[in-house]
Amino acid sequence: MNVRHGFIGGYATSLIGGARITTDIDLIIDGDPKTLQTQLVENCEDFTMSSQNKLHFQSGIHTVTIEMLRGGGERQLKLPDPKTVELVELAPRSRPGRVESTFSQLSST
């Protein structure tokens, strides 16, 4: 599943050093959220849909809610088109300790 995406919200803030208040992960994607949700659930056993129709990712004993929003075009939310936004790629090596500690915070909630 090759979908351009970006993290937004509290998770994105925590990756660059800010405080995280929420435990869900918000994504802006260049594609149809429903289609991607279906693909994830069908192809990855760690993803499930809740009875409230929310996408969940199982991380060990913890469940993380994933919300996907479509960016660009004439969307009501007026999110930026992922094709036109400068993206910052983060990996554990780019912020030593930050990415790992974010997942530790998720695991402790």
PDB file of N, CA and C in Angstrom:
ATOM      1  N   MET A   1       0.844  -1.164   0.000  1.00  0.00           N
ATOM      2  CA  MET A   1       0.000   0.000   0.000  1.00  0.00           C
ATOM      3  C   MET A   1       0.892   1.230   0.000  1.00  0.00           C
ATOM      4  N   ASN A   2       1.038   1.789  -1.143  1.00  0.00           N
ATOM      5  CA  ASN A   2       1.920   2.934  -1.304  1.00  0.00           C
ATOM      6  C   ASN A   2       1.072   4.202  -1.339  1.00  0.00           C
ATOM      7  N   VAL A   3       0.823   4.792  -0.173  1.00  0.00           N
ATOM      8  CA  VAL A   3      -0.018   5.985  -0.060  1.00  0.00           C
ATOM      9  C   VAL A   3       0.793   7.087   0.608  1.00  0.00           C
ATOM     10  N   ARG A   4       0.911   8.229  -0.085  1.00  0.00           N
ATOM     11  CA  ARG A   4       1.584   9.373   0.551  1.00  0.00           C
ATOM     12  C   ARG A   4       0.765   9.787   1.754  1.00  0.00           C
ATOM     13  N   HIS A   5       1.456  10.056   2.838  1.00  0.00           N
ATOM     14  CA  HIS A   5       0.751  10.399   4.075  1.00  0.00           C
ATOM     15  C   HIS A   5       1.632  11.291   4.933  1.00  0.00           C
ATOM     16  N   GLY A   6       1.007  11.894   5.910  1.00  0.00           N
ATOM     17  CA  GLY A   6       1.729  12.684   6.895  1.00  0.00           C
ATOM     18  C   GLY A   6       1.030  12.574   8.229  1.00  0.00           C
ATOM     19  N   PHE A   7       1.792  12.608   9.287  1.00  0.00           N
ATOM     20  CA  PHE A   7       1.218  12.593  10.635  1.00  0.00           C
ATOM     21  C   PHE A   7       0.861  14.019  11.024  1.00  0.00           C
ATOM     22  N   ILE A   8      -0.314  14.196  11.616  1.00  0.00           N
ATOM     23  CA  ILE A   8      -0.737  15.498  12.108  1.00  0.00           C
ATOM     24  C   ILE A   8      -1.240  15.315  13.533  1.00  0.00           C
ATOM     25  N   GLY A   9      -1.532  16.391  14.212  1.00  0.00           N
ATOM     26  CA  GLY A   9      -2.096  16.284  15.557  1.00  0.00           C
ATOM     27  C   GLY A   9      -1.044  16.019  16.621  1.00  0.00           C
ATOM     28  N   GLY A  10      -1.494  15.457  17.733  1.00  0.00           N
ATOM     29  CA  GLY A  10      -0.641  15.236  18.899  1.00  0.00           C
ATOM     30  C   GLY A  10       0.540  14.330  18.634  1.00  0.00           C
ATOM     31  N   TYR A  11       0.343  13.282  17.841  1.00  0.00           N
ATOM     32  CA  TYR A  11       1.447  12.369  17.543  1.00  0.00           C
ATOM     33  C   TYR A  11       2.556  13.104  16.795  1.00  0.00           C
ATOM     34  N   ALA A  12       2.182  13.894  15.790  1.00  0.00           N
ATOM     35  CA  ALA A  12       3.185  14.652  15.039  1.00  0.00           C
ATOM     36  C   ALA A  12       3.923  15.625  15.946  1.00  0.00           C
ATOM     37  N   THR A  13       3.184  16.275  16.826  1.00  0.00           N
ATOM     38  CA  THR A  13       3.796  17.206  17.776  1.00  0.00           C
ATOM     39  C   THR A  13       4.802  16.496  18.663  1.00  0.00           C
ATOM     40  N   SER A  14       4.454  15.303  19.113  1.00  0.00           N
ATOM     41  CA  SER A  14       5.360  14.566  19.998  1.00  0.00           C
ATOM     42  C   SER A  14       6.626  14.132  19.273  1.00  0.00           C
ATOM     43  N   LEU A  15       6.531  13.860  17.979  1.00  0.00           N
ATOM     44  CA  LEU A  15       7.712  13.440  17.229  1.00  0.00           C
ATOM     45  C   LEU A  15       8.765  14.538  17.139  1.00  0.00           C
ATOM     46  N   ILE A  16       8.328  15.790  17.175  1.00  0.00           N
ATOM     47  CA  ILE A  16       9.305  16.880  17.080  1.00  0.00           C
ATOM     48  C   ILE A  16       9.593  17.513  18.435  1.00  0.00           C
ATOM     49  N   GLY A  17       9.138  16.868  19.494  1.00  0.00           N
ATOM     50  CA  GLY A  17       9.538  17.301  20.821  1.00  0.00           C
ATOM     51  C   GLY A  17       8.466  17.925  21.679  1.00  0.00           C
ATOM     52  N   GLY A  18       7.251  18.061  21.190  1.00  0.00           N
ATOM     53  CA  GLY A  18       6.180  18.667  21.980  1.00  0.00           C
ATOM     54  C   GLY A  18       5.513  17.670  22.908  1.00  0.00           C
ATOM     55  N   ALA A  19       4.624  18.173  23.733  1.00  0.00           N
ATOM     56  CA  ALA A  19       3.882  17.318  24.661  1.00  0.00           C
ATOM     57  C   ALA A  19       2.727  16.649  23.926  1.00  0.00           C
ATOM     58  N   ARG A  20       2.476  15.423  24.279  1.00  0.00           N
ATOM     59  CA  ARG A  20       1.387  14.665  23.673  1.00  0.00           C
ATOM     60  C   ARG A  20       0.264  14.532  24.684  1.00  0.00           C
ATOM     61  N   ILE A  21      -0.946  14.936  24.302  1.00  0.00           N
ATOM     62  CA  ILE A  21      -2.092  14.855  25.197  1.00  0.00           C
ATOM     63  C   ILE A  21      -3.010  13.709  24.800  1.00  0.00           C
ATOM     64  N   THR A  22      -3.171  13.468  23.500  1.00  0.00           N
ATOM     65  CA  THR A  22      -4.071  12.419  23.026  1.00  0.00           C
ATOM     66  C   THR A  22      -3.304  11.142  22.734  1.00  0.00           C
ATOM     67  N   THR A  23      -4.020  10.034  22.625  1.00  0.00           N
ATOM     68  CA  THR A  23      -3.365   8.757  22.339  1.00  0.00           C
ATOM     69  C   THR A  23      -3.716   8.217  20.965  1.00  0.00           C
ATOM     70  N   ASP A  24      -4.518   8.947  20.192  1.00  0.00           N
ATOM     71  CA  ASP A  24      -4.814   8.497  18.839  1.00  0.00           C
ATOM     72  C   ASP A  24      -3.752   9.036  17.887  1.00  0.00           C
ATOM     73  N   ILE A  25      -3.764   8.528  16.667  1.00  0.00           N
ATOM     74  CA  ILE A  25      -2.846   9.008  15.637  1.00  0.00           C
ATOM     75  C   ILE A  25      -3.688   9.516  14.477  1.00  0.00           C
ATOM     76  N   ASP A  26      -3.443  10.755  14.069  1.00  0.00           N
ATOM     77  CA  ASP A  26      -4.163  11.374  12.960  1.00  0.00           C
ATOM     78  C   ASP A  26      -3.250  11.414  11.741  1.00  0.00           C
ATOM     79  N   LEU A  27      -3.775  10.970  10.603  1.00  0.00           N
ATOM     80  CA  LEU A  27      -3.024  10.976   9.354  1.00  0.00           C
ATOM     81  C   LEU A  27      -3.760  11.799   8.320  1.00  0.00           C
ATOM     82  N   ILE A  28      -3.020  12.555   7.535  1.00  0.00           N
ATOM     83  CA  ILE A  28      -3.571  13.164   6.335  1.00  0.00           C
ATOM     84  C   ILE A  28      -3.012  12.334   5.187  1.00  0.00           C
ATOM     85  N   ILE A  29      -3.900  11.873   4.299  1.00  0.00           N
ATOM     86  CA  ILE A  29      -3.440  10.973   3.248  1.00  0.00           C
ATOM     87  C   ILE A  29      -3.853  11.478   1.874  1.00  0.00           C
ATOM     88  N   ASP A  30      -3.126  11.008   0.881  1.00  0.00           N
ATOM     89  CA  ASP A  30      -3.419  11.303  -0.516  1.00  0.00           C
ATOM     90  C   ASP A  30      -4.126  10.078  -1.088  1.00  0.00           C
ATOM     91  N   GLY A  31      -5.377   9.925  -0.738  1.00  0.00           N
ATOM     92  CA  GLY A  31      -6.152   8.770  -1.173  1.00  0.00           C
ATOM     93  C   GLY A  31      -7.443   8.696  -0.389  1.00  0.00           C
ATOM     94  N   ASP A  32      -8.250   7.698  -0.712  1.00  0.00           N
ATOM     95  CA  ASP A  32      -9.532   7.533  -0.045  1.00  0.00           C
ATOM     96  C   ASP A  32      -9.347   6.812   1.290  1.00  0.00           C
ATOM     97  N   PRO A  33      -9.705   7.444   2.405  1.00  0.00           N
ATOM     98  CA  PRO A  33      -9.525   6.813   3.717  1.00  0.00           C
ATOM     99  C   PRO A  33     -10.227   5.458   3.846  1.00  0.00           C
ATOM    100  N   LYS A  34     -11.440   5.342   3.338  1.00  0.00           N
ATOM    101  CA  LYS A  34     -12.187   4.077   3.463  1.00  0.00           C
ATOM    102  C   LYS A  34     -11.482   2.954   2.717  1.00  0.00           C
ATOM    103  N   THR A  35     -10.965   3.262   1.534  1.00  0.00           N
ATOM    104  CA  THR A  35     -10.246   2.254   0.752  1.00  0.00           C
ATOM    105  C   THR A  35      -8.994   1.802   1.488  1.00  0.00           C
ATOM    106  N   LEU A  36      -8.237   2.750   2.020  1.00  0.00           N
ATOM    107  CA  LEU A  36      -7.014   2.399   2.739  1.00  0.00           C
ATOM    108  C   LEU A  36      -7.325   1.622   4.012  1.00  0.00           C
ATOM    109  N   GLN A  37      -8.368   2.014   4.737  1.00  0.00           N
ATOM    110  CA  GLN A  37      -8.761   1.269   5.942  1.00  0.00           C
ATOM    111  C   GLN A  37      -9.063  -0.182   5.594  1.00  0.00           C
ATOM    112  N   THR A  38      -9.828  -0.388   4.529  1.00  0.00           N
ATOM    113  CA  THR A  38     -10.175  -1.743   4.102  1.00  0.00           C
ATOM    114  C   THR A  38      -8.929  -2.533   3.750  1.00  0.00           C
ATOM    115  N   GLN A  39      -8.005  -1.925   3.011  1.00  0.00           N
ATOM    116  CA  GLN A  39      -6.768  -2.607   2.634  1.00  0.00           C
ATOM    117  C   GLN A  39      -5.943  -2.985   3.862  1.00  0.00           C
ATOM    118  N   LEU A  40      -5.850  -2.084   4.825  1.00  0.00           N
ATOM    119  CA  LEU A  40      -5.078  -2.369   6.037  1.00  0.00           C
ATOM    120  C   LEU A  40      -5.689  -3.525   6.821  1.00  0.00           C
ATOM    121  N   VAL A  41      -7.006  -3.497   7.000  1.00  0.00           N
ATOM    122  CA  VAL A  41      -7.682  -4.552   7.769  1.00  0.00           C
ATOM    123  C   VAL A  41      -7.554  -5.899   7.061  1.00  0.00           C
ATOM    124  N   GLU A  42      -7.669  -5.905   5.739  1.00  0.00           N
ATOM    125  CA  GLU A  42      -7.606  -7.153   4.980  1.00  0.00           C
ATOM    126  C   GLU A  42      -6.199  -7.725   4.887  1.00  0.00           C
ATOM    127  N   ASN A  43      -5.172  -6.873   4.949  1.00  0.00           N
ATOM    128  CA  ASN A  43      -3.805  -7.328   4.699  1.00  0.00           C
ATOM    129  C   ASN A  43      -2.873  -7.320   5.902  1.00  0.00           C
ATOM    130  N   CYS A  44      -3.281  -6.700   6.997  1.00  0.00           N
ATOM    131  CA  CYS A  44      -2.406  -6.595   8.169  1.00  0.00           C
ATOM    132  C   CYS A  44      -3.192  -6.994   9.412  1.00  0.00           C
ATOM    133  N   GLU A  45      -2.795  -8.065  10.046  1.00  0.00           N
ATOM    134  CA  GLU A  45      -3.568  -8.563  11.193  1.00  0.00           C
ATOM    135  C   GLU A  45      -3.552  -7.628  12.396  1.00  0.00           C
ATOM    136  N   ASP A  46      -2.642  -6.664  12.440  1.00  0.00           N
ATOM    137  CA  ASP A  46      -2.589  -5.722  13.561  1.00  0.00           C
ATOM    138  C   ASP A  46      -3.652  -4.626  13.463  1.00  0.00           C
ATOM    139  N   PHE A  47      -4.325  -4.515  12.310  1.00  0.00           N
ATOM    140  CA  PHE A  47      -5.369  -3.507  12.115  1.00  0.00           C
ATOM    141  C   PHE A  47      -6.745  -4.149  12.164  1.00  0.00           C
ATOM    142  N   THR A  48      -7.676  -3.494  12.891  1.00  0.00           N
ATOM    143  CA  THR A  48      -9.061  -3.956  12.971  1.00  0.00           C
ATOM    144  C   THR A  48      -9.987  -2.745  12.933  1.00  0.00           C
ATOM    145  N   MET A  49     -11.254  -3.006  12.641  1.00  0.00           N
ATOM    146  CA  MET A  49     -12.276  -1.966  12.703  1.00  0.00           C
ATOM    147  C   MET A  49     -13.119  -2.225  13.942  1.00  0.00           C
ATOM    148  N   SER A  50     -13.393  -1.167  14.702  1.00  0.00           N
ATOM    149  CA  SER A  50     -14.204  -1.293  15.913  1.00  0.00           C
ATOM    150  C   SER A  50     -15.685  -1.309  15.544  1.00  0.00           C
ATOM    151  N   SER A  51     -16.518  -1.602  16.524  1.00  0.00           N
ATOM    152  CA  SER A  51     -17.966  -1.579  16.297  1.00  0.00           C
ATOM    153  C   SER A  51     -18.455  -0.157  16.010  1.00  0.00           C
ATOM    154  N   GLN A  52     -17.651   0.859  16.376  1.00  0.00           N
ATOM    155  CA  GLN A  52     -17.982   2.258  16.072  1.00  0.00           C
ATOM    156  C   GLN A  52     -17.373   2.694  14.734  1.00  0.00           C
ATOM    157  N   ASN A  53     -16.884   1.714  13.953  1.00  0.00           N
ATOM    158  CA  ASN A  53     -16.306   1.959  12.636  1.00  0.00           C
ATOM    159  C   ASN A  53     -15.042   2.816  12.697  1.00  0.00           C
ATOM    160  N   LYS A  54     -14.217   2.586  13.716  1.00  0.00           N
ATOM    161  CA  LYS A  54     -12.932   3.280  13.848  1.00  0.00           C
ATOM    162  C   LYS A  54     -11.814   2.270  13.592  1.00  0.00           C
ATOM    163  N   LEU A  55     -10.767   2.736  12.918  1.00  0.00           N
ATOM    164  CA  LEU A  55      -9.617   1.893  12.635  1.00  0.00           C
ATOM    165  C   LEU A  55      -8.744   1.822  13.879  1.00  0.00           C
ATOM    166  N   HIS A  56      -8.372   0.614  14.270  1.00  0.00           N
ATOM    167  CA  HIS A  56      -7.511   0.413  15.433  1.00  0.00           C
ATOM    168  C   HIS A  56      -6.266  -0.355  15.019  1.00  0.00           C
ATOM    169  N   PHE A  57      -5.156   0.008  15.647  1.00  0.00           N
ATOM    170  CA  PHE A  57      -3.897  -0.716  15.488  1.00  0.00           C
ATOM    171  C   PHE A  57      -3.547  -1.316  16.834  1.00  0.00           C
ATOM    172  N   GLN A  58      -3.263  -2.607  16.850  1.00  0.00           N
ATOM    173  CA  GLN A  58      -2.905  -3.292  18.084  1.00  0.00           C
ATOM    174  C   GLN A  58      -1.396  -3.259  18.251  1.00  0.00           C
ATOM    175  N   SER A  59      -0.924  -2.569  19.296  1.00  0.00           N
ATOM    176  CA  SER A  59       0.501  -2.456  19.593  1.00  0.00           C
ATOM    177  C   SER A  59       0.757  -3.168  20.913  1.00  0.00           C
ATOM    178  N   GLY A  60       1.149  -4.433  20.827  1.00  0.00           N
ATOM    179  CA  GLY A  60       1.302  -5.220  22.051  1.00  0.00           C
ATOM    180  C   GLY A  60      -0.044  -5.382  22.713  1.00  0.00           C
ATOM    181  N   ILE A  61      -0.151  -4.962  23.972  1.00  0.00           N
ATOM    182  CA  ILE A  61      -1.431  -5.076  24.680  1.00  0.00           C
ATOM    183  C   ILE A  61      -2.275  -3.815  24.540  1.00  0.00           C
ATOM    184  N   HIS A  62      -1.761  -2.802  23.848  1.00  0.00           N
ATOM    185  CA  HIS A  62      -2.460  -1.524  23.715  1.00  0.00           C
ATOM    186  C   HIS A  62      -3.072  -1.366  22.329  1.00  0.00           C
ATOM    187  N   THR A  63      -4.222  -0.728  22.286  1.00  0.00           N
ATOM    188  CA  THR A  63      -4.905  -0.439  21.031  1.00  0.00           C
ATOM    189  C   THR A  63      -4.824   1.059  20.760  1.00  0.00           C
ATOM    190  N   VAL A  64      -4.382   1.402  19.557  1.00  0.00           N
ATOM    191  CA  VAL A  64      -4.248   2.798  19.159  1.00  0.00           C
ATOM    192  C   VAL A  64      -5.271   3.079  18.055  1.00  0.00           C
ATOM    193  N   THR A  65      -6.083   4.114  18.235  1.00  0.00           N
ATOM    194  CA  THR A  65      -7.045   4.516  17.214  1.00  0.00           C
ATOM    195  C   THR A  65      -6.334   5.350  16.156  1.00  0.00           C
ATOM    196  N   ILE A  66      -6.589   5.030  14.893  1.00  0.00           N
ATOM    197  CA  ILE A  66      -5.989   5.743  13.769  1.00  0.00           C
ATOM    198  C   ILE A  66      -7.104   6.472  13.026  1.00  0.00           C
ATOM    199  N   GLU A  67      -6.968   7.781  12.869  1.00  0.00           N
ATOM    200  CA  GLU A  67      -7.942   8.532  12.076  1.00  0.00           C
ATOM    201  C   GLU A  67      -7.259   9.036  10.823  1.00  0.00           C
ATOM    202  N   MET A  68      -7.886   8.765   9.677  1.00  0.00           N
ATOM    203  CA  MET A  68      -7.338   9.205   8.398  1.00  0.00           C
ATOM    204  C   MET A  68      -8.223  10.287   7.809  1.00  0.00           C
ATOM    205  N   LEU A  69      -7.590  11.356   7.354  1.00  0.00           N
ATOM    206  CA  LEU A  69      -8.285  12.468   6.712  1.00  0.00           C
ATOM    207  C   LEU A  69      -7.689  12.653   5.328  1.00  0.00           C
ATOM    208  N   ARG A  70      -8.541  12.865   4.352  1.00  0.00           N
ATOM    209  CA  ARG A  70      -8.049  13.073   2.996  1.00  0.00           C
ATOM    210  C   ARG A  70      -7.701  14.540   2.802  1.00  0.00           C
ATOM    211  N   GLY A  71      -6.519  14.789   2.293  1.00  0.00           N
ATOM    212  CA  GLY A  71      -6.078  16.161   2.067  1.00  0.00           C
ATOM    213  C   GLY A  71      -6.241  16.590   0.625  1.00  0.00           C
ATOM    214  N   GLY A  72      -6.136  17.889   0.411  1.00  0.00           N
ATOM    215  CA  GLY A  72      -6.149  18.439  -0.935  1.00  0.00           C
ATOM    216  C   GLY A  72      -7.538  18.623  -1.513  1.00  0.00           C
ATOM    217  N   GLY A  73      -7.560  19.078  -2.758  1.00  0.00           N
ATOM    218  CA  GLY A  73      -8.810  19.246  -3.481  1.00  0.00           C
ATOM    219  C   GLY A  73      -9.752  20.227  -2.816  1.00  0.00           C
ATOM    220  N   GLU A  74     -11.017  20.017  -3.002  1.00  0.00           N
ATOM    221  CA  GLU A  74     -12.049  20.894  -2.454  1.00  0.00           C
ATOM    222  C   GLU A  74     -12.667  20.286  -1.198  1.00  0.00           C
ATOM    223  N   ARG A  75     -11.887  19.687  -0.371  1.00  0.00           N
ATOM    224  CA  ARG A  75     -12.384  19.037   0.837  1.00  0.00           C
ATOM    225  C   ARG A  75     -12.898  20.073   1.817  1.00  0.00           C
ATOM    226  N   GLN A  76     -13.938  19.707   2.551  1.00  0.00           N
ATOM    227  CA  GLN A  76     -14.535  20.618   3.526  1.00  0.00           C
ATOM    228  C   GLN A  76     -13.537  21.012   4.612  1.00  0.00           C
ATOM    229  N   LEU A  77     -12.658  20.093   5.001  1.00  0.00           N
ATOM    230  CA  LEU A  77     -11.711  20.377   6.076  1.00  0.00           C
ATOM    231  C   LEU A  77     -10.601  21.328   5.642  1.00  0.00           C
ATOM    232  N   LYS A  78     -10.436  21.523   4.355  1.00  0.00           N
ATOM    233  CA  LYS A  78      -9.414  22.428   3.818  1.00  0.00           C
ATOM    234  C   LYS A  78      -8.008  22.063   4.290  1.00  0.00           C
ATOM    235  N   LEU A  79      -7.759  20.775   4.367  1.00  0.00           N
ATOM    236  CA  LEU A  79      -6.409  20.326   4.690  1.00  0.00           C
ATOM    237  C   LEU A  79      -5.535  20.500   3.458  1.00  0.00           C
ATOM    238  N   PRO A  80      -4.247  20.695   3.661  1.00  0.00           N
ATOM    239  CA  PRO A  80      -3.375  20.888   2.504  1.00  0.00           C
ATOM    240  C   PRO A  80      -3.281  19.617   1.672  1.00  0.00           C
ATOM    241  N   ASP A  81      -3.037  19.796   0.391  1.00  0.00           N
ATOM    242  CA  ASP A  81      -2.809  18.669  -0.498  1.00  0.00           C
ATOM    243  C   ASP A  81      -1.433  18.094  -0.159  1.00  0.00           C
ATOM    244  N   PRO A  82      -1.343  16.803   0.176  1.00  0.00           N
ATOM    245  CA  PRO A  82      -0.044  16.236   0.541  1.00  0.00           C
ATOM    246  C   PRO A  82       1.013  16.391  -0.546  1.00  0.00           C
ATOM    247  N   LYS A  83       0.594  16.566  -1.792  1.00  0.00           N
ATOM    248  CA  LYS A  83       1.557  16.731  -2.885  1.00  0.00           C
ATOM    249  C   LYS A  83       2.233  18.099  -2.857  1.00  0.00           C
ATOM    250  N   THR A  84       1.647  19.071  -2.148  1.00  0.00           N
ATOM    251  CA  THR A  84       2.170  20.438  -2.173  1.00  0.00           C
ATOM    252  C   THR A  84       2.826  20.865  -0.866  1.00  0.00           C
ATOM    253  N   VAL A  85       2.852  19.985   0.108  1.00  0.00           N
ATOM    254  CA  VAL A  85       3.371  20.330   1.430  1.00  0.00           C
ATOM    255  C   VAL A  85       4.773  19.759   1.594  1.00  0.00           C
ATOM    256  N   GLU A  86       5.661  20.579   2.136  1.00  0.00           N
ATOM    257  CA  GLU A  86       6.996  20.073   2.437  1.00  0.00           C
ATOM    258  C   GLU A  86       6.872  19.046   3.553  1.00  0.00           C
ATOM    259  N   LEU A  87       7.381  17.865   3.305  1.00  0.00           N
ATOM    260  CA  LEU A  87       7.283  16.797   4.290  1.00  0.00           C
ATOM    261  C   LEU A  87       8.594  16.656   5.040  1.00  0.00           C
ATOM    262  N   VAL A  88       8.494  16.376   6.306  1.00  0.00           N
ATOM    263  CA  VAL A  88       9.655  16.114   7.142  1.00  0.00           C
ATOM    264  C   VAL A  88       9.630  14.633   7.469  1.00  0.00           C
ATOM    265  N   GLU A  89      10.665  13.926   7.053  1.00  0.00           N
ATOM    266  CA  GLU A  89      10.728  12.503   7.343  1.00  0.00           C
ATOM    267  C   GLU A  89      11.488  12.304   8.641  1.00  0.00           C
ATOM    268  N   LEU A  90      10.895  11.551   9.539  1.00  0.00           N
ATOM    269  CA  LEU A  90      11.526  11.264  10.820  1.00  0.00           C
ATOM    270  C   LEU A  90      11.759   9.777  10.948  1.00  0.00           C
ATOM    271  N   ALA A  91      12.897   9.446  11.444  1.00  0.00           N
ATOM    272  CA  ALA A  91      13.239   8.065  11.751  1.00  0.00           C
ATOM    273  C   ALA A  91      13.908   8.088  13.117  1.00  0.00           C
ATOM    274  N   PRO A  92      13.975   6.946  13.790  1.00  0.00           N
ATOM    275  CA  PRO A  92      14.622   6.947  15.109  1.00  0.00           C
ATOM    276  C   PRO A  92      16.006   7.582  15.096  1.00  0.00           C
ATOM    277  N   ARG A  93      16.747   7.411  14.016  1.00  0.00           N
ATOM    278  CA  ARG A  93      18.109   7.973  13.969  1.00  0.00           C
ATOM    279  C   ARG A  93      18.108   9.497  13.830  1.00  0.00           C
ATOM    280  N   SER A  94      16.986  10.091  13.331  1.00  0.00           N
ATOM    281  CA  SER A  94      16.960  11.542  13.146  1.00  0.00           C
ATOM    282  C   SER A  94      16.624  12.295  14.429  1.00  0.00           C
ATOM    283  N   ARG A  95      15.987  11.652  15.363  1.00  0.00           N
ATOM    284  CA  ARG A  95      15.657  12.243  16.668  1.00  0.00           C
ATOM    285  C   ARG A  95      15.932  11.180  17.730  1.00  0.00           C
ATOM    286  N   PRO A  96      17.194  10.951  18.057  1.00  0.00           N
ATOM    287  CA  PRO A  96      17.522   9.871  18.990  1.00  0.00           C
ATOM    288  C   PRO A  96      16.686   9.930  20.263  1.00  0.00           C
ATOM    289  N   GLY A  97      16.025   8.829  20.580  1.00  0.00           N
ATOM    290  CA  GLY A  97      15.233   8.725  21.798  1.00  0.00           C
ATOM    291  C   GLY A  97      13.819   9.261  21.664  1.00  0.00           C
ATOM    292  N   ARG A  98      13.559  10.128  20.694  1.00  0.00           N
ATOM    293  CA  ARG A  98      12.243  10.776  20.596  1.00  0.00           C
ATOM    294  C   ARG A  98      11.172   9.816  20.080  1.00  0.00           C
ATOM    295  N   VAL A  99      11.441   9.126  18.971  1.00  0.00           N
ATOM    296  CA  VAL A  99      10.446   8.220  18.402  1.00  0.00           C
ATOM    297  C   VAL A  99      10.188   7.069  19.360  1.00  0.00           C
ATOM    298  N   GLU A 100      11.248   6.507  19.934  1.00  0.00           N
ATOM    299  CA  GLU A 100      11.077   5.405  20.871  1.00  0.00           C
ATOM    300  C   GLU A 100      10.289   5.838  22.096  1.00  0.00           C
ATOM    301  N   SER A 101      10.569   7.033  22.618  1.00  0.00           N
ATOM    302  CA  SER A 101       9.861   7.475  23.820  1.00  0.00           C
ATOM    303  C   SER A 101       8.399   7.774  23.513  1.00  0.00           C
ATOM    304  N   THR A 102       8.091   8.185  22.288  1.00  0.00           N
ATOM    305  CA  THR A 102       6.695   8.408  21.907  1.00  0.00           C
ATOM    306  C   THR A 102       5.927   7.103  21.966  1.00  0.00           C
ATOM    307  N   PHE A 103       6.512   6.029  21.432  1.00  0.00           N
ATOM    308  CA  PHE A 103       5.828   4.742  21.482  1.00  0.00           C
ATOM    309  C   PHE A 103       5.762   4.221  22.911  1.00  0.00           C
ATOM    310  N   SER A 104       6.754   4.537  23.727  1.00  0.00           N
ATOM    311  CA  SER A 104       6.702   4.158  25.142  1.00  0.00           C
ATOM    312  C   SER A 104       5.556   4.874  25.840  1.00  0.00           C
ATOM    313  N   GLN A 105       5.339   6.160  25.508  1.00  0.00           N
ATOM    314  CA  GLN A 105       4.228   6.912  26.092  1.00  0.00           C
ATOM    315  C   GLN A 105       2.903   6.294  25.695  1.00  0.00           C
ATOM    316  N   LEU A 106       2.786   5.874  24.431  1.00  0.00           N
ATOM    317  CA  LEU A 106       1.552   5.220  23.980  1.00  0.00           C
ATOM    318  C   LEU A 106       1.329   3.927  24.748  1.00  0.00           C
ATOM    319  N   SER A 107       2.399   3.180  24.960  1.00  0.00           N
ATOM    320  CA  SER A 107       2.284   1.892  25.636  1.00  0.00           C
ATOM    321  C   SER A 107       1.921   2.033  27.101  1.00  0.00           C
ATOM    322  N   SER A 108       2.252   3.170  27.704  1.00  0.00           N
ATOM    323  CA  SER A 108       1.993   3.332  29.138  1.00  0.00           C
ATOM    324  C   SER A 108       0.612   3.900  29.428  1.00  0.00           C
ATOM    325  N   THR A 109      -0.151   4.275  28.385  1.00  0.00           N
ATOM    326  CA  THR A 109      -1.492   4.836  28.616  1.00  0.00           C
ATOM    327  C   THR A 109      -2.548   3.768  28.582  1.00  0.00           C
TER     328      THR A 109
END
